[in-house]
Amino acid sequence: MRLNEALAGDALNRLKRAQGQLASVISMIEEGEECEKVLTQLAAVSKALDRAGFKLVASGLRHCQRARERGEQPPMNEDELEKLFLALA
């Protein structure tokens, strides 16, 4: 299944936000910021990435379900989608 902005939707926005947060974490390390502050921000980046991944899987599930409803062959089957979901868990 190929991703595009319409399919990725909110996940793409989350990834862009995480990209900015990660740049901030790198700057904090380079500037010698306190470990606790760096790790707090890094945890926020990690959570944002996880949520983006789950959003992408959810979008894929919806996309495949709509294909089935139209009588089309979905780009991925349930086993493939489950494998992707579990890779994030």
PDB file of N, CA and C in Angstrom:
ATOM      1  N   MET A   1       0.852  -1.166   0.000  1.00  0.00           N
ATOM      2  CA  MET A   1       0.000   0.000   0.000  1.00  0.00           C
ATOM      3  C   MET A   1       0.899   1.230   0.000  1.00  0.00           C
ATOM      4  N   ARG A   2       0.682   2.088  -0.944  1.00  0.00           N
ATOM      5  CA  ARG A   2       1.467   3.317  -1.047  1.00  0.00           C
ATOM      6  C   ARG A   2       0.804   4.411  -0.210  1.00  0.00           C
ATOM      7  N   LEU A   3       1.651   5.155   0.477  1.00  0.00           N
ATOM      8  CA  LEU A   3       1.146   6.262   1.288  1.00  0.00           C
ATOM      9  C   LEU A   3       1.182   7.556   0.500  1.00  0.00           C
ATOM     10  N   ASN A   4       0.229   8.401   0.774  1.00  0.00           N
ATOM     11  CA  ASN A   4       0.237   9.757   0.247  1.00  0.00           C
ATOM     12  C   ASN A   4      -0.285  10.668   1.355  1.00  0.00           C
ATOM     13  N   GLU A   5      -0.261  11.959   1.126  1.00  0.00           N
ATOM     14  CA  GLU A   5      -0.679  12.896   2.172  1.00  0.00           C
ATOM     15  C   GLU A   5      -2.131  12.688   2.583  1.00  0.00           C
ATOM     16  N   ALA A   6      -2.985  12.351   1.625  1.00  0.00           N
ATOM     17  CA  ALA A   6      -4.394  12.151   1.957  1.00  0.00           C
ATOM     18  C   ALA A   6      -4.571  10.942   2.873  1.00  0.00           C
ATOM     19  N   LEU A   7      -3.831   9.871   2.621  1.00  0.00           N
ATOM     20  CA  LEU A   7      -3.945   8.666   3.438  1.00  0.00           C
ATOM     21  C   LEU A   7      -3.253   8.847   4.788  1.00  0.00           C
ATOM     22  N   ALA A   8      -2.105   9.491   4.783  1.00  0.00           N
ATOM     23  CA  ALA A   8      -1.331   9.672   6.013  1.00  0.00           C
ATOM     24  C   ALA A   8      -1.986  10.691   6.937  1.00  0.00           C
ATOM     25  N   GLY A   9      -2.547  11.745   6.364  1.00  0.00           N
ATOM     26  CA  GLY A   9      -3.303  12.741   7.118  1.00  0.00           C
ATOM     27  C   GLY A   9      -2.638  13.222   8.389  1.00  0.00           C
ATOM     28  N   ASP A  10      -3.314  12.957   9.507  1.00  0.00           N
ATOM     29  CA  ASP A  10      -2.866  13.420  10.814  1.00  0.00           C
ATOM     30  C   ASP A  10      -1.500  12.848  11.187  1.00  0.00           C
ATOM     31  N   ALA A  11      -1.194  11.648  10.728  1.00  0.00           N
ATOM     32  CA  ALA A  11       0.106  11.038  11.045  1.00  0.00           C
ATOM     33  C   ALA A  11       1.243  11.886  10.494  1.00  0.00           C
ATOM     34  N   LEU A  12       1.065  12.434   9.314  1.00  0.00           N
ATOM     35  CA  LEU A  12       2.104  13.278   8.718  1.00  0.00           C
ATOM     36  C   LEU A  12       2.321  14.532   9.559  1.00  0.00           C
ATOM     37  N   ASN A  13       1.247  15.122  10.029  1.00  0.00           N
ATOM     38  CA  ASN A  13       1.375  16.297  10.907  1.00  0.00           C
ATOM     39  C   ASN A  13       2.105  15.944  12.194  1.00  0.00           C
ATOM     40  N   ARG A  14       1.785  14.794  12.757  1.00  0.00           N
ATOM     41  CA  ARG A  14       2.456  14.349  13.974  1.00  0.00           C
ATOM     42  C   ARG A  14       3.947  14.126  13.734  1.00  0.00           C
ATOM     43  N   LEU A  15       4.287  13.562  12.581  1.00  0.00           N
ATOM     44  CA  LEU A  15       5.694  13.323  12.256  1.00  0.00           C
ATOM     45  C   LEU A  15       6.457  14.632  12.079  1.00  0.00           C
ATOM     46  N   LYS A  16       5.826  15.601  11.472  1.00  0.00           N
ATOM     47  CA  LYS A  16       6.472  16.901  11.307  1.00  0.00           C
ATOM     48  C   LYS A  16       6.706  17.567  12.668  1.00  0.00           C
ATOM     49  N   ARG A  17       5.736  17.430  13.550  1.00  0.00           N
ATOM     50  CA  ARG A  17       5.879  17.978  14.896  1.00  0.00           C
ATOM     51  C   ARG A  17       7.011  17.255  15.636  1.00  0.00           C
ATOM     52  N   ALA A  18       7.068  15.938  15.491  1.00  0.00           N
ATOM     53  CA  ALA A  18       8.127  15.153  16.141  1.00  0.00           C
ATOM     54  C   ALA A  18       9.499  15.521  15.580  1.00  0.00           C
ATOM     55  N   GLN A  19       9.543  15.833  14.303  1.00  0.00           N
ATOM     56  CA  GLN A  19      10.803  16.245  13.677  1.00  0.00           C
ATOM     57  C   GLN A  19      11.332  17.511  14.353  1.00  0.00           C
ATOM     58  N   GLY A  20      10.450  18.461  14.610  1.00  0.00           N
ATOM     59  CA  GLY A  20      10.842  19.683  15.301  1.00  0.00           C
ATOM     60  C   GLY A  20      11.266  19.413  16.727  1.00  0.00           C
ATOM     61  N   GLN A  21      10.547  18.516  17.390  1.00  0.00           N
ATOM     62  CA  GLN A  21      10.903  18.162  18.763  1.00  0.00           C
ATOM     63  C   GLN A  21      12.273  17.486  18.812  1.00  0.00           C
ATOM     64  N   LEU A  22      12.553  16.627  17.844  1.00  0.00           N
ATOM     65  CA  LEU A  22      13.836  15.940  17.812  1.00  0.00           C
ATOM     66  C   LEU A  22      14.976  16.926  17.577  1.00  0.00           C
ATOM     67  N   ALA A  23      14.761  17.892  16.700  1.00  0.00           N
ATOM     68  CA  ALA A  23      15.775  18.927  16.480  1.00  0.00           C
ATOM     69  C   ALA A  23      16.052  19.675  17.781  1.00  0.00           C
ATOM     70  N   SER A  24      14.993  19.896  18.552  1.00  0.00           N
ATOM     71  CA  SER A  24      15.149  20.568  19.839  1.00  0.00           C
ATOM     72  C   SER A  24      15.957  19.713  20.812  1.00  0.00           C
ATOM     73  N   VAL A  25      15.713  18.421  20.829  1.00  0.00           N
ATOM     74  CA  VAL A  25      16.463  17.513  21.704  1.00  0.00           C
ATOM     75  C   VAL A  25      17.941  17.537  21.339  1.00  0.00           C
ATOM     76  N   ILE A  26      18.231  17.499  20.056  1.00  0.00           N
ATOM     77  CA  ILE A  26      19.629  17.536  19.607  1.00  0.00           C
ATOM     78  C   ILE A  26      20.296  18.826  20.058  1.00  0.00           C
ATOM     79  N   SER A  27      19.597  19.944  19.898  1.00  0.00           N
ATOM     80  CA  SER A  27      20.132  21.236  20.343  1.00  0.00           C
ATOM     81  C   SER A  27      20.373  21.246  21.845  1.00  0.00           C
ATOM     82  N   MET A  28      19.435  20.671  22.584  1.00  0.00           N
ATOM     83  CA  MET A  28      19.588  20.629  24.035  1.00  0.00           C
ATOM     84  C   MET A  28      20.854  19.865  24.433  1.00  0.00           C
ATOM     85  N   ILE A  29      21.104  18.754  23.769  1.00  0.00           N
ATOM     86  CA  ILE A  29      22.301  17.966  24.065  1.00  0.00           C
ATOM     87  C   ILE A  29      23.556  18.743  23.703  1.00  0.00           C
ATOM     88  N   GLU A  30      23.535  19.367  22.529  1.00  0.00           N
ATOM     89  CA  GLU A  30      24.700  20.137  22.075  1.00  0.00           C
ATOM     90  C   GLU A  30      24.994  21.315  23.001  1.00  0.00           C
ATOM     91  N   GLU A  31      23.953  21.855  23.617  1.00  0.00           N
ATOM     92  CA  GLU A  31      24.117  23.009  24.508  1.00  0.00           C
ATOM     93  C   GLU A  31      24.346  22.607  25.961  1.00  0.00           C
ATOM     94  N   GLY A  32      24.399  21.301  26.228  1.00  0.00           N
ATOM     95  CA  GLY A  32      24.690  20.831  27.572  1.00  0.00           C
ATOM     96  C   GLY A  32      23.538  20.949  28.547  1.00  0.00           C
ATOM     97  N   GLU A  33      22.333  20.820  28.059  1.00  0.00           N
ATOM     98  CA  GLU A  33      21.139  20.915  28.909  1.00  0.00           C
ATOM     99  C   GLU A  33      21.122  19.765  29.926  1.00  0.00           C
ATOM    100  N   GLU A  34      20.370  19.958  30.992  1.00  0.00           N
ATOM    101  CA  GLU A  34      20.232  18.936  32.026  1.00  0.00           C
ATOM    102  C   GLU A  34      19.650  17.646  31.449  1.00  0.00           C
ATOM    103  N   CYS A  35      20.185  16.529  31.910  1.00  0.00           N
ATOM    104  CA  CYS A  35      19.775  15.212  31.431  1.00  0.00           C
ATOM    105  C   CYS A  35      18.266  14.992  31.565  1.00  0.00           C
ATOM    106  N   GLU A  36      17.712  15.362  32.691  1.00  0.00           N
ATOM    107  CA  GLU A  36      16.284  15.151  32.940  1.00  0.00           C
ATOM    108  C   GLU A  36      15.429  15.867  31.899  1.00  0.00           C
ATOM    109  N   LYS A  37      15.788  17.102  31.573  1.00  0.00           N
ATOM    110  CA  LYS A  37      15.032  17.867  30.573  1.00  0.00           C
ATOM    111  C   LYS A  37      15.152  17.229  29.194  1.00  0.00           C
ATOM    112  N   VAL A  38      16.364  16.781  28.857  1.00  0.00           N
ATOM    113  CA  VAL A  38      16.586  16.137  27.556  1.00  0.00           C
ATOM    114  C   VAL A  38      15.752  14.865  27.450  1.00  0.00           C
ATOM    115  N   LEU A  39      15.790  14.044  28.490  1.00  0.00           N
ATOM    116  CA  LEU A  39      15.055  12.782  28.459  1.00  0.00           C
ATOM    117  C   LEU A  39      13.549  12.993  28.442  1.00  0.00           C
ATOM    118  N   THR A  40      13.075  14.032  29.110  1.00  0.00           N
ATOM    119  CA  THR A  40      11.649  14.353  29.073  1.00  0.00           C
ATOM    120  C   THR A  40      11.221  14.690  27.647  1.00  0.00           C
ATOM    121  N   GLN A  41      12.017  15.504  26.970  1.00  0.00           N
ATOM    122  CA  GLN A  41      11.705  15.864  25.585  1.00  0.00           C
ATOM    123  C   GLN A  41      11.847  14.665  24.646  1.00  0.00           C
ATOM    124  N   LEU A  42      12.841  13.836  24.902  1.00  0.00           N
ATOM    125  CA  LEU A  42      13.035  12.643  24.081  1.00  0.00           C
ATOM    126  C   LEU A  42      11.857  11.684  24.234  1.00  0.00           C
ATOM    127  N   ALA A  43      11.327  11.575  25.444  1.00  0.00           N
ATOM    128  CA  ALA A  43      10.145  10.747  25.670  1.00  0.00           C
ATOM    129  C   ALA A  43       8.951  11.288  24.886  1.00  0.00           C
ATOM    130  N   ALA A  44       8.827  12.603  24.812  1.00  0.00           N
ATOM    131  CA  ALA A  44       7.736  13.216  24.044  1.00  0.00           C
ATOM    132  C   ALA A  44       7.884  12.905  22.560  1.00  0.00           C
ATOM    133  N   VAL A  45       9.118  12.936  22.056  1.00  0.00           N
ATOM    134  CA  VAL A  45       9.365  12.602  20.649  1.00  0.00           C
ATOM    135  C   VAL A  45       8.978  11.145  20.393  1.00  0.00           C
ATOM    136  N   SER A  46       9.392  10.275  21.290  1.00  0.00           N
ATOM    137  CA  SER A  46       9.096   8.848  21.144  1.00  0.00           C
ATOM    138  C   SER A  46       7.591   8.597  21.118  1.00  0.00           C
ATOM    139  N   LYS A  47       6.867   9.252  22.006  1.00  0.00           N
ATOM    140  CA  LYS A  47       5.411   9.094  22.057  1.00  0.00           C
ATOM    141  C   LYS A  47       4.762   9.613  20.769  1.00  0.00           C
ATOM    142  N   ALA A  48       5.255  10.734  20.273  1.00  0.00           N
ATOM    143  CA  ALA A  48       4.711  11.301  19.033  1.00  0.00           C
ATOM    144  C   ALA A  48       4.940  10.349  17.860  1.00  0.00           C
ATOM    145  N   LEU A  49       6.108   9.729  17.803  1.00  0.00           N
ATOM    146  CA  LEU A  49       6.398   8.775  16.735  1.00  0.00           C
ATOM    147  C   LEU A  49       5.502   7.546  16.835  1.00  0.00           C
ATOM    148  N   ASP A  50       5.310   7.053  18.056  1.00  0.00           N
ATOM    149  CA  ASP A  50       4.424   5.904  18.253  1.00  0.00           C
ATOM    150  C   ASP A  50       3.012   6.217  17.785  1.00  0.00           C
ATOM    151  N   ARG A  51       2.513   7.372  18.183  1.00  0.00           N
ATOM    152  CA  ARG A  51       1.145   7.748  17.797  1.00  0.00           C
ATOM    153  C   ARG A  51       1.013   7.911  16.281  1.00  0.00           C
ATOM    154  N   ALA A  52       2.032   8.457  15.659  1.00  0.00           N
ATOM    155  CA  ALA A  52       2.004   8.596  14.196  1.00  0.00           C
ATOM    156  C   ALA A  52       1.949   7.218  13.547  1.00  0.00           C
ATOM    157  N   GLY A  53       2.724   6.285  14.064  1.00  0.00           N
ATOM    158  CA  GLY A  53       2.711   4.927  13.521  1.00  0.00           C
ATOM    159  C   GLY A  53       1.356   4.272  13.660  1.00  0.00           C
ATOM    160  N   PHE A  54       0.739   4.414  14.831  1.00  0.00           N
ATOM    161  CA  PHE A  54      -0.584   3.828  15.033  1.00  0.00           C
ATOM    162  C   PHE A  54      -1.624   4.493  14.144  1.00  0.00           C
ATOM    163  N   LYS A  55      -1.480   5.797  13.926  1.00  0.00           N
ATOM    164  CA  LYS A  55      -2.399   6.494  13.008  1.00  0.00           C
ATOM    165  C   LYS A  55      -2.275   5.934  11.594  1.00  0.00           C
ATOM    166  N   LEU A  56      -1.035   5.653  11.170  1.00  0.00           N
ATOM    167  CA  LEU A  56      -0.835   5.101   9.833  1.00  0.00           C
ATOM    168  C   LEU A  56      -1.463   3.712   9.705  1.00  0.00           C
ATOM    169  N   VAL A  57      -1.301   2.887  10.717  1.00  0.00           N
ATOM    170  CA  VAL A  57      -1.923   1.563  10.683  1.00  0.00           C
ATOM    171  C   VAL A  57      -3.445   1.698  10.645  1.00  0.00           C
ATOM    172  N   ALA A  58      -3.995   2.595  11.458  1.00  0.00           N
ATOM    173  CA  ALA A  58      -5.444   2.799  11.465  1.00  0.00           C
ATOM    174  C   ALA A  58      -5.936   3.285  10.104  1.00  0.00           C
ATOM    175  N   SER A  59      -5.180   4.175   9.473  1.00  0.00           N
ATOM    176  CA  SER A  59      -5.553   4.648   8.132  1.00  0.00           C
ATOM    177  C   SER A  59      -5.523   3.503   7.137  1.00  0.00           C
ATOM    178  N   GLY A  60      -4.517   2.652   7.266  1.00  0.00           N
ATOM    179  CA  GLY A  60      -4.425   1.482   6.391  1.00  0.00           C
ATOM    180  C   GLY A  60      -5.598   0.543   6.567  1.00  0.00           C
ATOM    181  N   LEU A  61      -6.010   0.332   7.813  1.00  0.00           N
ATOM    182  CA  LEU A  61      -7.169  -0.519   8.083  1.00  0.00           C
ATOM    183  C   LEU A  61      -8.425   0.043   7.420  1.00  0.00           C
ATOM    184  N   ARG A  62      -8.624   1.350   7.593  1.00  0.00           N
ATOM    185  CA  ARG A  62      -9.801   1.983   6.974  1.00  0.00           C
ATOM    186  C   ARG A  62      -9.743   1.896   5.453  1.00  0.00           C
ATOM    187  N   HIS A  63      -8.563   2.135   4.897  1.00  0.00           N
ATOM    188  CA  HIS A  63      -8.379   2.089   3.437  1.00  0.00           C
ATOM    189  C   HIS A  63      -8.707   0.693   2.902  1.00  0.00           C
ATOM    190  N   CYS A  64      -8.205  -0.324   3.576  1.00  0.00           N
ATOM    191  CA  CYS A  64      -8.466  -1.694   3.138  1.00  0.00           C
ATOM    192  C   CYS A  64      -9.934  -2.070   3.298  1.00  0.00           C
ATOM    193  N   GLN A  65     -10.550  -1.622   4.387  1.00  0.00           N
ATOM    194  CA  GLN A  65     -11.964  -1.911   4.598  1.00  0.00           C
ATOM    195  C   GLN A  65     -12.818  -1.269   3.501  1.00  0.00           C
ATOM    196  N   ARG A  66     -12.513  -0.033   3.155  1.00  0.00           N
ATOM    197  CA  ARG A  66     -13.267   0.629   2.080  1.00  0.00           C
ATOM    198  C   ARG A  66     -13.110  -0.106   0.759  1.00  0.00           C
ATOM    199  N   ALA A  67     -11.909  -0.604   0.480  1.00  0.00           N
ATOM    200  CA  ALA A  67     -11.685  -1.364  -0.755  1.00  0.00           C
ATOM    201  C   ALA A  67     -12.564  -2.613  -0.761  1.00  0.00           C
ATOM    202  N   ARG A  68     -12.624  -3.318   0.363  1.00  0.00           N
ATOM    203  CA  ARG A  68     -13.471  -4.514   0.453  1.00  0.00           C
ATOM    204  C   ARG A  68     -14.939  -4.170   0.235  1.00  0.00           C
ATOM    205  N   GLU A  69     -15.370  -3.055   0.825  1.00  0.00           N
ATOM    206  CA  GLU A  69     -16.774  -2.642   0.684  1.00  0.00           C
ATOM    207  C   GLU A  69     -17.131  -2.331  -0.767  1.00  0.00           C
ATOM    208  N   ARG A  70     -16.151  -1.879  -1.536  1.00  0.00           N
ATOM    209  CA  ARG A  70     -16.376  -1.595  -2.954  1.00  0.00           C
ATOM    210  C   ARG A  70     -16.223  -2.851  -3.807  1.00  0.00           C
ATOM    211  N   GLY A  71     -15.907  -3.977  -3.158  1.00  0.00           N
ATOM    212  CA  GLY A  71     -15.733  -5.227  -3.889  1.00  0.00           C
ATOM    213  C   GLY A  71     -14.360  -5.358  -4.530  1.00  0.00           C
ATOM    214  N   GLU A  72     -13.414  -4.529  -4.093  1.00  0.00           N
ATOM    215  CA  GLU A  72     -12.062  -4.557  -4.643  1.00  0.00           C
ATOM    216  C   GLU A  72     -11.145  -5.369  -3.726  1.00  0.00           C
ATOM    217  N   GLN A  73     -10.031  -5.798  -4.300  1.00  0.00           N
ATOM    218  CA  GLN A  73      -9.013  -6.480  -3.511  1.00  0.00           C
ATOM    219  C   GLN A  73      -8.231  -5.422  -2.731  1.00  0.00           C
ATOM    220  N   PRO A  74      -8.210  -5.500  -1.409  1.00  0.00           N
ATOM    221  CA  PRO A  74      -7.456  -4.510  -0.625  1.00  0.00           C
ATOM    222  C   PRO A  74      -5.955  -4.676  -0.860  1.00  0.00           C
ATOM    223  N   PRO A  75      -5.201  -3.586  -0.724  1.00  0.00           N
ATOM    224  CA  PRO A  75      -3.757  -3.653  -0.960  1.00  0.00           C
ATOM    225  C   PRO A  75      -3.013  -4.511   0.067  1.00  0.00           C
ATOM    226  N   MET A  76      -3.613  -4.712   1.239  1.00  0.00           N
ATOM    227  CA  MET A  76      -2.997  -5.537   2.276  1.00  0.00           C
ATOM    228  C   MET A  76      -4.076  -6.391   2.931  1.00  0.00           C
ATOM    229  N   ASN A  77      -3.692  -7.587   3.369  1.00  0.00           N
ATOM    230  CA  ASN A  77      -4.660  -8.420   4.078  1.00  0.00           C
ATOM    231  C   ASN A  77      -4.516  -8.216   5.587  1.00  0.00           C
ATOM    232  N   GLU A  78      -5.399  -8.839   6.344  1.00  0.00           N
ATOM    233  CA  GLU A  78      -5.421  -8.647   7.797  1.00  0.00           C
ATOM    234  C   GLU A  78      -4.113  -9.084   8.459  1.00  0.00           C
ATOM    235  N   ASP A  79      -3.545 -10.184   7.978  1.00  0.00           N
ATOM    236  CA  ASP A  79      -2.293 -10.667   8.566  1.00  0.00           C
ATOM    237  C   ASP A  79      -1.159  -9.662   8.375  1.00  0.00           C
ATOM    238  N   GLU A  80      -1.091  -9.054   7.217  1.00  0.00           N
ATOM    239  CA  GLU A  80      -0.047  -8.051   6.946  1.00  0.00           C
ATOM    240  C   GLU A  80      -0.238  -6.814   7.821  1.00  0.00           C
ATOM    241  N   LEU A  81      -1.481  -6.382   7.951  1.00  0.00           N
ATOM    242  CA  LEU A  81      -1.763  -5.221   8.799  1.00  0.00           C
ATOM    243  C   LEU A  81      -1.487  -5.534  10.273  1.00  0.00           C
ATOM    244  N   GLU A  82      -1.823  -6.728  10.694  1.00  0.00           N
ATOM    245  CA  GLU A  82      -1.550  -7.119  12.078  1.00  0.00           C
ATOM    246  C   GLU A  82      -0.047  -7.121  12.341  1.00  0.00           C
ATOM    247  N   LYS A  83       0.722  -7.621  11.388  1.00  0.00           N
ATOM    248  CA  LYS A  83       2.185  -7.652  11.537  1.00  0.00           C
ATOM    249  C   LYS A  83       2.736  -6.221  11.696  1.00  0.00           C
ATOM    250  N   LEU A  84       2.225  -5.294  10.908  1.00  0.00           N
ATOM    251  CA  LEU A  84       2.652  -3.906  11.028  1.00  0.00           C
ATOM    252  C   LEU A  84       2.276  -3.318  12.385  1.00  0.00           C
ATOM    253  N   PHE A  85       1.054  -3.600  12.816  1.00  0.00           N
ATOM    254  CA  PHE A  85       0.606  -3.102  14.113  1.00  0.00           C
ATOM    255  C   PHE A  85       1.501  -3.627  15.232  1.00  0.00           C
ATOM    256  N   LEU A  86       1.793  -4.926  15.198  1.00  0.00           N
ATOM    257  CA  LEU A  86       2.608  -5.530  16.245  1.00  0.00           C
ATOM    258  C   LEU A  86       4.048  -5.023  16.217  1.00  0.00           C
ATOM    259  N   ALA A  87       4.515  -4.608  15.055  1.00  0.00           N
ATOM    260  CA  ALA A  87       5.866  -4.042  14.963  1.00  0.00           C
ATOM    261  C   ALA A  87       5.956  -2.743  15.756  1.00  0.00           C
ATOM    262  N   LEU A  88       4.843  -2.060  15.921  1.00  0.00           N
ATOM    263  CA  LEU A  88       4.813  -0.802  16.671  1.00  0.00           C
ATOM    264  C   LEU A  88       4.606  -1.017  18.165  1.00  0.00           C
ATOM    265  N   ALA A  89       4.029  -2.142  18.519  1.00  0.00           N
ATOM    266  CA  ALA A  89       3.666  -2.390  19.928  1.00  0.00           C
ATOM    267  C   ALA A  89       4.876  -2.715  20.782  1.00  0.00           C
TER     268      ALA A  89
END
